[in-house]
Protein backbone atom coordinates (compact mmCIF):
# COMPACT_ATOMS: atom_id res chain seq x y z
CA UNK A 1 0.00 0.00 0.00
CA UNK A 2 2.88 2.38 0.66
CA UNK A 3 4.13 2.12 -2.92
CA UNK A 4 0.89 3.67 -4.18
CA UNK A 5 1.98 7.04 -2.77
CA UNK A 6 5.34 7.01 -4.54
CA UNK A 7 3.91 5.78 -7.84
CA UNK A 8 1.13 8.37 -7.75
CA UNK A 9 3.61 11.19 -7.18
CA UNK A 10 5.71 9.91 -10.09
CA UNK A 11 2.63 9.89 -12.35
CA UNK A 12 1.72 13.41 -11.27
CA UNK A 13 5.25 14.63 -12.04
CA UNK A 14 5.08 13.12 -15.55
CA UNK A 15 1.87 14.98 -16.39
CA UNK A 16 2.31 18.38 -14.75
CA UNK A 17 4.95 21.09 -14.49
CA UNK A 18 5.57 24.25 -12.49
CA UNK A 19 2.81 25.59 -10.29
CA UNK A 20 0.38 22.87 -11.34
CA UNK A 21 2.84 20.24 -10.09
CA UNK A 22 3.21 21.99 -6.74
CA UNK A 23 -0.55 22.34 -6.34
CA UNK A 24 -1.23 18.72 -7.31
CA UNK A 25 1.52 17.44 -5.00
CA UNK A 26 0.17 19.46 -2.06
CA UNK A 27 -3.41 18.36 -2.71
CA UNK A 28 -2.40 14.73 -3.01
CA UNK A 29 -0.36 14.89 0.19
CA UNK A 30 -3.30 16.38 2.10
CA UNK A 31 -5.66 13.68 0.77
CA UNK A 32 -3.13 10.98 1.66
CA UNK A 33 -2.81 12.35 5.20
CA UNK A 34 -6.56 12.60 5.74
CA UNK A 35 -7.07 9.12 4.31
CA UNK A 36 -4.37 7.70 6.55
CA UNK A 37 -5.91 9.27 9.63
CA UNK A 38 -9.45 8.15 8.79
CA UNK A 39 -8.20 4.67 7.93
CA UNK A 40 -6.62 4.27 11.35
CA UNK A 41 -9.80 5.49 13.04
CA UNK A 42 -11.98 3.09 11.02
CA UNK A 43 -9.64 0.19 11.81
CA UNK A 44 -9.82 1.04 15.52
CA UNK A 45 -13.63 1.13 15.44
CA UNK A 46 -13.76 -2.13 13.49
CA UNK A 47 -11.38 -3.80 15.95
CA UNK A 48 -13.66 -2.73 18.80
CA UNK A 49 -16.63 -4.28 17.01
CA UNK A 50 -15.03 -7.39 15.46
CA UNK A 51 -11.85 -7.88 17.57
CA UNK A 52 -8.68 -8.49 15.50
CA UNK A 53 -10.75 -9.37 12.42
CA UNK A 54 -11.66 -5.70 12.04
CA UNK A 55 -8.45 -4.79 10.21
CA UNK A 56 -8.99 -7.08 7.20
CA UNK A 57 -12.63 -5.98 7.01
CA UNK A 58 -11.64 -2.31 6.73
CA UNK A 59 -8.95 -3.08 4.15
CA UNK A 60 -11.41 -5.18 2.16
CA UNK A 61 -13.99 -2.38 2.25
CA UNK A 62 -11.38 0.16 1.10
CA UNK A 63 -10.36 -2.10 -1.80
CA UNK A 64 -13.97 -2.63 -2.85
CA UNK A 65 -14.62 1.12 -2.78
CA UNK A 66 -11.47 1.82 -4.80
CA UNK A 67 -12.33 -0.92 -7.33
CA UNK A 68 -15.83 0.53 -7.71
CA UNK A 69 -14.33 3.97 -8.31
CA UNK A 70 -12.00 2.58 -10.97
CA UNK A 71 -14.90 0.86 -12.73
CA UNK A 72 -16.76 4.17 -12.98
CA UNK A 73 -13.71 5.73 -14.70
CA UNK A 74 -13.10 2.81 -17.09
CA UNK A 75 -13.51 3.71 -20.74
CA UNK A 76 -14.65 0.90 -22.99
CA UNK A 77 -13.65 1.30 -26.61
PDB file of N, CA and C in Angstrom:
ATOM      1  N   UNK A   1       0.825  -1.197   0.000  1.00  0.00           N
ATOM      2  CA  UNK A   1       0.000   0.000   0.000  1.00  0.00           C
ATOM      3  C   UNK A   1       0.869   1.261   0.000  1.00  0.00           C
ATOM      4  N   UNK A   2       2.022   1.195   0.607  1.00  0.00           N
ATOM      5  CA  UNK A   2       2.881   2.378   0.664  1.00  0.00           C
ATOM      6  C   UNK A   2       3.441   2.770  -0.685  1.00  0.00           C
ATOM      7  N   UNK A   3       3.586   1.822  -1.588  1.00  0.00           N
ATOM      8  CA  UNK A   3       4.128   2.123  -2.915  1.00  0.00           C
ATOM      9  C   UNK A   3       3.154   2.944  -3.749  1.00  0.00           C
ATOM     10  N   UNK A   4       1.874   2.895  -3.431  1.00  0.00           N
ATOM     11  CA  UNK A   4       0.886   3.665  -4.185  1.00  0.00           C
ATOM     12  C   UNK A   4       1.201   5.152  -4.094  1.00  0.00           C
ATOM     13  N   UNK A   5       1.650   5.615  -2.944  1.00  0.00           N
ATOM     14  CA  UNK A   5       1.980   7.037  -2.769  1.00  0.00           C
ATOM     15  C   UNK A   5       3.115   7.439  -3.701  1.00  0.00           C
ATOM     16  N   UNK A   6       4.184   6.677  -3.713  1.00  0.00           N
ATOM     17  CA  UNK A   6       5.341   7.010  -4.544  1.00  0.00           C
ATOM     18  C   UNK A   6       5.006   6.927  -6.033  1.00  0.00           C
ATOM     19  N   UNK A   7       4.276   5.921  -6.435  1.00  0.00           N
ATOM     20  CA  UNK A   7       3.906   5.776  -7.842  1.00  0.00           C
ATOM     21  C   UNK A   7       2.986   6.914  -8.276  1.00  0.00           C
ATOM     22  N   UNK A   8       2.045   7.281  -7.421  1.00  0.00           N
ATOM     23  CA  UNK A   8       1.127   8.375  -7.747  1.00  0.00           C
ATOM     24  C   UNK A   8       1.868   9.691  -7.909  1.00  0.00           C
ATOM     25  N   UNK A   9       2.828   9.961  -7.041  1.00  0.00           N
ATOM     26  CA  UNK A   9       3.606  11.190  -7.183  1.00  0.00           C
ATOM     27  C   UNK A   9       4.438  11.173  -8.458  1.00  0.00           C
ATOM     28  N   UNK A  10       4.955  10.013  -8.832  1.00  0.00           N
ATOM     29  CA  UNK A  10       5.707   9.910 -10.088  1.00  0.00           C
ATOM     30  C   UNK A  10       4.794  10.171 -11.283  1.00  0.00           C
ATOM     31  N   UNK A  11       3.573   9.646 -11.252  1.00  0.00           N
ATOM     32  CA  UNK A  11       2.630   9.891 -12.345  1.00  0.00           C
ATOM     33  C   UNK A  11       2.229  11.365 -12.428  1.00  0.00           C
ATOM     34  N   UNK A  12       2.050  11.982 -11.282  1.00  0.00           N
ATOM     35  CA  UNK A  12       1.723  13.410 -11.267  1.00  0.00           C
ATOM     36  C   UNK A  12       2.869  14.215 -11.880  1.00  0.00           C
ATOM     37  N   UNK A  13       4.109  13.862 -11.529  1.00  0.00           N
ATOM     38  CA  UNK A  13       5.254  14.629 -12.040  1.00  0.00           C
ATOM     39  C   UNK A  13       5.449  14.441 -13.541  1.00  0.00           C
ATOM     40  N   UNK A  14       4.983  13.325 -14.101  1.00  0.00           N
ATOM     41  CA  UNK A  14       5.078  13.117 -15.547  1.00  0.00           C
ATOM     42  C   UNK A  14       4.080  13.988 -16.313  1.00  0.00           C
ATOM     43  N   UNK A  15       2.947  14.285 -15.698  1.00  0.00           N
ATOM     44  CA  UNK A  15       1.868  14.981 -16.395  1.00  0.00           C
ATOM     45  C   UNK A  15       1.847  16.486 -16.179  1.00  0.00           C
ATOM     46  N   UNK A  16       2.421  16.959 -15.097  1.00  0.00           N
ATOM     47  CA  UNK A  16       2.307  18.379 -14.749  1.00  0.00           C
ATOM     48  C   UNK A  16       3.685  19.012 -14.577  1.00  0.00           C
ATOM     49  N   UNK A  17       3.710  20.344 -14.692  1.00  0.00           N
ATOM     50  CA  UNK A  17       4.952  21.090 -14.491  1.00  0.00           C
ATOM     51  C   UNK A  17       4.654  22.380 -13.741  1.00  0.00           C
ATOM     52  N   UNK A  18       5.670  22.941 -13.131  1.00  0.00           N
ATOM     53  CA  UNK A  18       5.573  24.252 -12.491  1.00  0.00           C
ATOM     54  C   UNK A  18       4.586  24.314 -11.347  1.00  0.00           C
ATOM     55  N   UNK A  19       3.766  25.364 -11.373  1.00  0.00           N
ATOM     56  CA  UNK A  19       2.812  25.593 -10.286  1.00  0.00           C
ATOM     57  C   UNK A  19       1.752  24.496 -10.200  1.00  0.00           C
ATOM     58  N   UNK A  20       1.367  23.952 -11.349  1.00  0.00           N
ATOM     59  CA  UNK A  20       0.382  22.867 -11.339  1.00  0.00           C
ATOM     60  C   UNK A  20       0.922  21.649 -10.599  1.00  0.00           C
ATOM     61  N   UNK A  21       2.211  21.367 -10.783  1.00  0.00           N
ATOM     62  CA  UNK A  21       2.842  20.239 -10.090  1.00  0.00           C
ATOM     63  C   UNK A  21       2.850  20.474  -8.582  1.00  0.00           C
ATOM     64  N   UNK A  22       3.182  21.668  -8.168  1.00  0.00           N
ATOM     65  CA  UNK A  22       3.212  21.993  -6.737  1.00  0.00           C
ATOM     66  C   UNK A  22       1.814  21.868  -6.132  1.00  0.00           C
ATOM     67  N   UNK A  23       0.823  22.401  -6.831  1.00  0.00           N
ATOM     68  CA  UNK A  23      -0.553  22.340  -6.340  1.00  0.00           C
ATOM     69  C   UNK A  23      -1.049  20.897  -6.257  1.00  0.00           C
ATOM     70  N   UNK A  24      -0.788  20.113  -7.299  1.00  0.00           N
ATOM     71  CA  UNK A  24      -1.228  18.719  -7.311  1.00  0.00           C
ATOM     72  C   UNK A  24      -0.525  17.913  -6.222  1.00  0.00           C
ATOM     73  N   UNK A  25       0.760  18.156  -6.028  1.00  0.00           N
ATOM     74  CA  UNK A  25       1.518  17.440  -5.000  1.00  0.00           C
ATOM     75  C   UNK A  25       0.982  17.777  -3.612  1.00  0.00           C
ATOM     76  N   UNK A  26       0.705  19.056  -3.361  1.00  0.00           N
ATOM     77  CA  UNK A  26       0.174  19.458  -2.055  1.00  0.00           C
ATOM     78  C   UNK A  26      -1.211  18.869  -1.823  1.00  0.00           C
ATOM     79  N   UNK A  27      -2.064  18.933  -2.843  1.00  0.00           N
ATOM     80  CA  UNK A  27      -3.406  18.362  -2.707  1.00  0.00           C
ATOM     81  C   UNK A  27      -3.378  16.866  -2.468  1.00  0.00           C
ATOM     82  N   UNK A  28      -2.509  16.175  -3.197  1.00  0.00           N
ATOM     83  CA  UNK A  28      -2.402  14.725  -3.014  1.00  0.00           C
ATOM     84  C   UNK A  28      -1.878  14.392  -1.621  1.00  0.00           C
ATOM     85  N   UNK A  29      -0.910  15.148  -1.149  1.00  0.00           N
ATOM     86  CA  UNK A  29      -0.356  14.895   0.187  1.00  0.00           C
ATOM     87  C   UNK A  29      -1.406  15.094   1.276  1.00  0.00           C
ATOM     88  N   UNK A  30      -2.233  16.136   1.123  1.00  0.00           N
ATOM     89  CA  UNK A  30      -3.300  16.375   2.101  1.00  0.00           C
ATOM     90  C   UNK A  30      -4.300  15.217   2.079  1.00  0.00           C
ATOM     91  N   UNK A  31      -4.707  14.792   0.880  1.00  0.00           N
ATOM     92  CA  UNK A  31      -5.656  13.676   0.775  1.00  0.00           C
ATOM     93  C   UNK A  31      -5.067  12.395   1.347  1.00  0.00           C
ATOM     94  N   UNK A  32      -3.794  12.173   1.119  1.00  0.00           N
ATOM     95  CA  UNK A  32      -3.131  10.985   1.663  1.00  0.00           C
ATOM     96  C   UNK A  32      -3.113  11.033   3.192  1.00  0.00           C
ATOM     97  N   UNK A  33      -2.824  12.201   3.748  1.00  0.00           N
ATOM     98  CA  UNK A  33      -2.806  12.348   5.204  1.00  0.00           C
ATOM     99  C   UNK A  33      -4.171  12.153   5.830  1.00  0.00           C
ATOM    100  N   UNK A  34      -5.196  12.750   5.231  1.00  0.00           N
ATOM    101  CA  UNK A  34      -6.560  12.599   5.742  1.00  0.00           C
ATOM    102  C   UNK A  34      -7.004  11.142   5.636  1.00  0.00           C
ATOM    103  N   UNK A  35      -6.714  10.525   4.490  1.00  0.00           N
ATOM    104  CA  UNK A  35      -7.074   9.118   4.310  1.00  0.00           C
ATOM    105  C   UNK A  35      -6.368   8.208   5.304  1.00  0.00           C
ATOM    106  N   UNK A  36      -5.104   8.496   5.571  1.00  0.00           N
ATOM    107  CA  UNK A  36      -4.369   7.701   6.554  1.00  0.00           C
ATOM    108  C   UNK A  36      -4.936   7.840   7.955  1.00  0.00           C
ATOM    109  N   UNK A  37      -5.324   9.036   8.302  1.00  0.00           N
ATOM    110  CA  UNK A  37      -5.912   9.271   9.630  1.00  0.00           C
ATOM    111  C   UNK A  37      -7.272   8.597   9.754  1.00  0.00           C
ATOM    112  N   UNK A  38      -8.124   8.778   8.746  1.00  0.00           N
ATOM    113  CA  UNK A  38      -9.445   8.146   8.792  1.00  0.00           C
ATOM    114  C   UNK A  38      -9.348   6.628   8.757  1.00  0.00           C
ATOM    115  N   UNK A  39      -8.392   6.119   7.993  1.00  0.00           N
ATOM    116  CA  UNK A  39      -8.201   4.668   7.934  1.00  0.00           C
ATOM    117  C   UNK A  39      -7.871   4.079   9.303  1.00  0.00           C
ATOM    118  N   UNK A  40      -6.997   4.745  10.013  1.00  0.00           N
ATOM    119  CA  UNK A  40      -6.622   4.268  11.351  1.00  0.00           C
ATOM    120  C   UNK A  40      -7.825   4.317  12.293  1.00  0.00           C
ATOM    121  N   UNK A  41      -8.612   5.390  12.188  1.00  0.00           N
ATOM    122  CA  UNK A  41      -9.803   5.494  13.038  1.00  0.00           C
ATOM    123  C   UNK A  41     -10.812   4.382  12.717  1.00  0.00           C
ATOM    124  N   UNK A  42     -11.044   4.148  11.414  1.00  0.00           N
ATOM    125  CA  UNK A  42     -11.980   3.091  11.020  1.00  0.00           C
ATOM    126  C   UNK A  42     -11.478   1.711  11.449  1.00  0.00           C
ATOM    127  N   UNK A  43     -10.191   1.475  11.361  1.00  0.00           N
ATOM    128  CA  UNK A  43      -9.636   0.192  11.808  1.00  0.00           C
ATOM    129  C   UNK A  43      -9.833   0.039  13.311  1.00  0.00           C
ATOM    130  N   UNK A  44      -9.618   1.107  14.069  1.00  0.00           N
ATOM    131  CA  UNK A  44      -9.824   1.036  15.518  1.00  0.00           C
ATOM    132  C   UNK A  44     -11.271   0.736  15.874  1.00  0.00           C
ATOM    133  N   UNK A  45     -12.199   1.391  15.184  1.00  0.00           N
ATOM    134  CA  UNK A  45     -13.625   1.134  15.438  1.00  0.00           C
ATOM    135  C   UNK A  45     -13.978  -0.306  15.067  1.00  0.00           C
ATOM    136  N   UNK A  46     -13.475  -0.761  13.919  1.00  0.00           N
ATOM    137  CA  UNK A  46     -13.763  -2.130  13.486  1.00  0.00           C
ATOM    138  C   UNK A  46     -13.168  -3.152  14.439  1.00  0.00           C
ATOM    139  N   UNK A  47     -11.987  -2.865  14.988  1.00  0.00           N
ATOM    140  CA  UNK A  47     -11.384  -3.803  15.946  1.00  0.00           C
ATOM    141  C   UNK A  47     -12.172  -3.842  17.246  1.00  0.00           C
ATOM    142  N   UNK A  48     -12.781  -2.723  17.622  1.00  0.00           N
ATOM    143  CA  UNK A  48     -13.657  -2.732  18.801  1.00  0.00           C
ATOM    144  C   UNK A  48     -14.895  -3.596  18.555  1.00  0.00           C
ATOM    145  N   UNK A  49     -15.412  -3.528  17.328  1.00  0.00           N
ATOM    146  CA  UNK A  49     -16.630  -4.277  17.006  1.00  0.00           C
ATOM    147  C   UNK A  49     -16.369  -5.754  16.698  1.00  0.00           C
ATOM    148  N   UNK A  50     -15.281  -6.032  15.959  1.00  0.00           N
ATOM    149  CA  UNK A  50     -15.028  -7.394  15.465  1.00  0.00           C
ATOM    150  C   UNK A  50     -13.722  -7.988  15.977  1.00  0.00           C
ATOM    151  N   UNK A  51     -13.153  -7.495  17.008  1.00  0.00           N
ATOM    152  CA  UNK A  51     -11.848  -7.882  17.567  1.00  0.00           C
ATOM    153  C   UNK A  51     -10.765  -7.724  16.497  1.00  0.00           C
ATOM    154  N   UNK A  52      -9.806  -8.623  16.424  1.00  0.00           N
ATOM    155  CA  UNK A  52      -8.678  -8.491  15.498  1.00  0.00           C
ATOM    156  C   UNK A  52      -9.101  -8.656  14.040  1.00  0.00           C
ATOM    157  N   UNK A  53     -10.279  -9.214  13.790  1.00  0.00           N
ATOM    158  CA  UNK A  53     -10.749  -9.370  12.418  1.00  0.00           C
ATOM    159  C   UNK A  53     -11.180  -8.046  11.796  1.00  0.00           C
ATOM    160  N   UNK A  54     -11.229  -6.994  12.551  1.00  0.00           N
ATOM    161  CA  UNK A  54     -11.664  -5.704  12.040  1.00  0.00           C
ATOM    162  C   UNK A  54     -10.720  -5.115  11.003  1.00  0.00           C
ATOM    163  N   UNK A  55      -9.422  -5.347  11.159  1.00  0.00           N
ATOM    164  CA  UNK A  55      -8.451  -4.791  10.209  1.00  0.00           C
ATOM    165  C   UNK A  55      -8.669  -5.305   8.791  1.00  0.00           C
ATOM    166  N   UNK A  56      -8.749  -6.620   8.574  1.00  0.00           N
ATOM    167  CA  UNK A  56      -8.989  -7.079   7.198  1.00  0.00           C
ATOM    168  C   UNK A  56     -10.329  -6.610   6.641  1.00  0.00           C
ATOM    169  N   UNK A  57     -11.325  -6.453   7.483  1.00  0.00           N
ATOM    170  CA  UNK A  57     -12.628  -5.976   7.006  1.00  0.00           C
ATOM    171  C   UNK A  57     -12.524  -4.549   6.464  1.00  0.00           C
ATOM    172  N   UNK A  58     -11.802  -3.694   7.173  1.00  0.00           N
ATOM    173  CA  UNK A  58     -11.644  -2.311   6.726  1.00  0.00           C
ATOM    174  C   UNK A  58     -10.827  -2.263   5.442  1.00  0.00           C
ATOM    175  N   UNK A  59      -9.765  -3.050   5.364  1.00  0.00           N
ATOM    176  CA  UNK A  59      -8.949  -3.080   4.152  1.00  0.00           C
ATOM    177  C   UNK A  59      -9.760  -3.619   2.979  1.00  0.00           C
ATOM    178  N   UNK A  60     -10.557  -4.637   3.208  1.00  0.00           N
ATOM    179  CA  UNK A  60     -11.415  -5.179   2.157  1.00  0.00           C
ATOM    180  C   UNK A  60     -12.423  -4.138   1.688  1.00  0.00           C
ATOM    181  N   UNK A  61     -13.028  -3.428   2.610  1.00  0.00           N
ATOM    182  CA  UNK A  61     -13.986  -2.381   2.252  1.00  0.00           C
ATOM    183  C   UNK A  61     -13.312  -1.272   1.436  1.00  0.00           C
ATOM    184  N   UNK A  62     -12.110  -0.871   1.839  1.00  0.00           N
ATOM    185  CA  UNK A  62     -11.385   0.163   1.101  1.00  0.00           C
ATOM    186  C   UNK A  62     -11.059  -0.304  -0.312  1.00  0.00           C
ATOM    187  N   UNK A  63     -10.664  -1.554  -0.468  1.00  0.00           N
ATOM    188  CA  UNK A  63     -10.356  -2.096  -1.797  1.00  0.00           C
ATOM    189  C   UNK A  63     -11.612  -2.177  -2.667  1.00  0.00           C
ATOM    190  N   UNK A  64     -12.716  -2.566  -2.090  1.00  0.00           N
ATOM    191  CA  UNK A  64     -13.973  -2.630  -2.851  1.00  0.00           C
ATOM    192  C   UNK A  64     -14.391  -1.232  -3.299  1.00  0.00           C
ATOM    193  N   UNK A  65     -14.274  -0.251  -2.419  1.00  0.00           N
ATOM    194  CA  UNK A  65     -14.622   1.119  -2.783  1.00  0.00           C
ATOM    195  C   UNK A  65     -13.706   1.650  -3.886  1.00  0.00           C
ATOM    196  N   UNK A  66     -12.414   1.364  -3.775  1.00  0.00           N
ATOM    197  CA  UNK A  66     -11.466   1.816  -4.797  1.00  0.00           C
ATOM    198  C   UNK A  66     -11.747   1.126  -6.136  1.00  0.00           C
ATOM    199  N   UNK A  67     -12.018  -0.167  -6.106  1.00  0.00           N
ATOM    200  CA  UNK A  67     -12.328  -0.917  -7.327  1.00  0.00           C
ATOM    201  C   UNK A  67     -13.596  -0.374  -7.981  1.00  0.00           C
ATOM    202  N   UNK A  68     -14.597  -0.052  -7.175  1.00  0.00           N
ATOM    203  CA  UNK A  68     -15.834   0.526  -7.710  1.00  0.00           C
ATOM    204  C   UNK A  68     -15.562   1.882  -8.361  1.00  0.00           C
ATOM    205  N   UNK A  69     -14.709   2.683  -7.744  1.00  0.00           N
ATOM    206  CA  UNK A  69     -14.334   3.973  -8.315  1.00  0.00           C
ATOM    207  C   UNK A  69     -13.629   3.792  -9.658  1.00  0.00           C
ATOM    208  N   UNK A  70     -12.716   2.835  -9.725  1.00  0.00           N
ATOM    209  CA  UNK A  70     -11.997   2.577 -10.973  1.00  0.00           C
ATOM    210  C   UNK A  70     -12.959   2.133 -12.069  1.00  0.00           C
ATOM    211  N   UNK A  71     -13.923   1.315 -11.727  1.00  0.00           N
ATOM    212  CA  UNK A  71     -14.899   0.863 -12.728  1.00  0.00           C
ATOM    213  C   UNK A  71     -15.731   2.013 -13.291  1.00  0.00           C
ATOM    214  N   UNK A  72     -16.000   3.028 -12.473  1.00  0.00           N
ATOM    215  CA  UNK A  72     -16.761   4.168 -12.981  1.00  0.00           C
ATOM    216  C   UNK A  72     -15.932   5.025 -13.926  1.00  0.00           C
ATOM    217  N   UNK A  73     -14.614   4.945 -13.842  1.00  0.00           N
ATOM    218  CA  UNK A  73     -13.705   5.732 -14.699  1.00  0.00           C
ATOM    219  C   UNK A  73     -13.238   4.945 -15.919  1.00  0.00           C
ATOM    220  N   UNK A  74     -13.579   3.676 -16.014  1.00  0.00           N
ATOM    221  CA  UNK A  74     -13.102   2.813 -17.091  1.00  0.00           C
ATOM    222  C   UNK A  74     -13.788   3.181 -18.401  1.00  0.00           C
ATOM    223  N   UNK A  75     -12.982   3.398 -19.426  1.00  0.00           N
ATOM    224  CA  UNK A  75     -13.515   3.711 -20.742  1.00  0.00           C
ATOM    225  C   UNK A  75     -13.453   2.482 -21.622  1.00  0.00           C
ATOM    226  N   UNK A  76     -14.583   2.076 -22.125  1.00  0.00           N
ATOM    227  CA  UNK A  76     -14.651   0.901 -22.991  1.00  0.00           C
ATOM    228  C   UNK A  76     -14.669   1.384 -24.441  1.00  0.00           C
ATOM    229  N   UNK A  77     -13.746   0.867 -25.214  1.00  0.00           N
ATOM    230  CA  UNK A  77     -13.651   1.296 -26.613  1.00  0.00           C
ATOM    231  C   UNK A  77     -14.469   0.422 -27.521  1.00  0.00           C
TER     232      UNK A  77
END
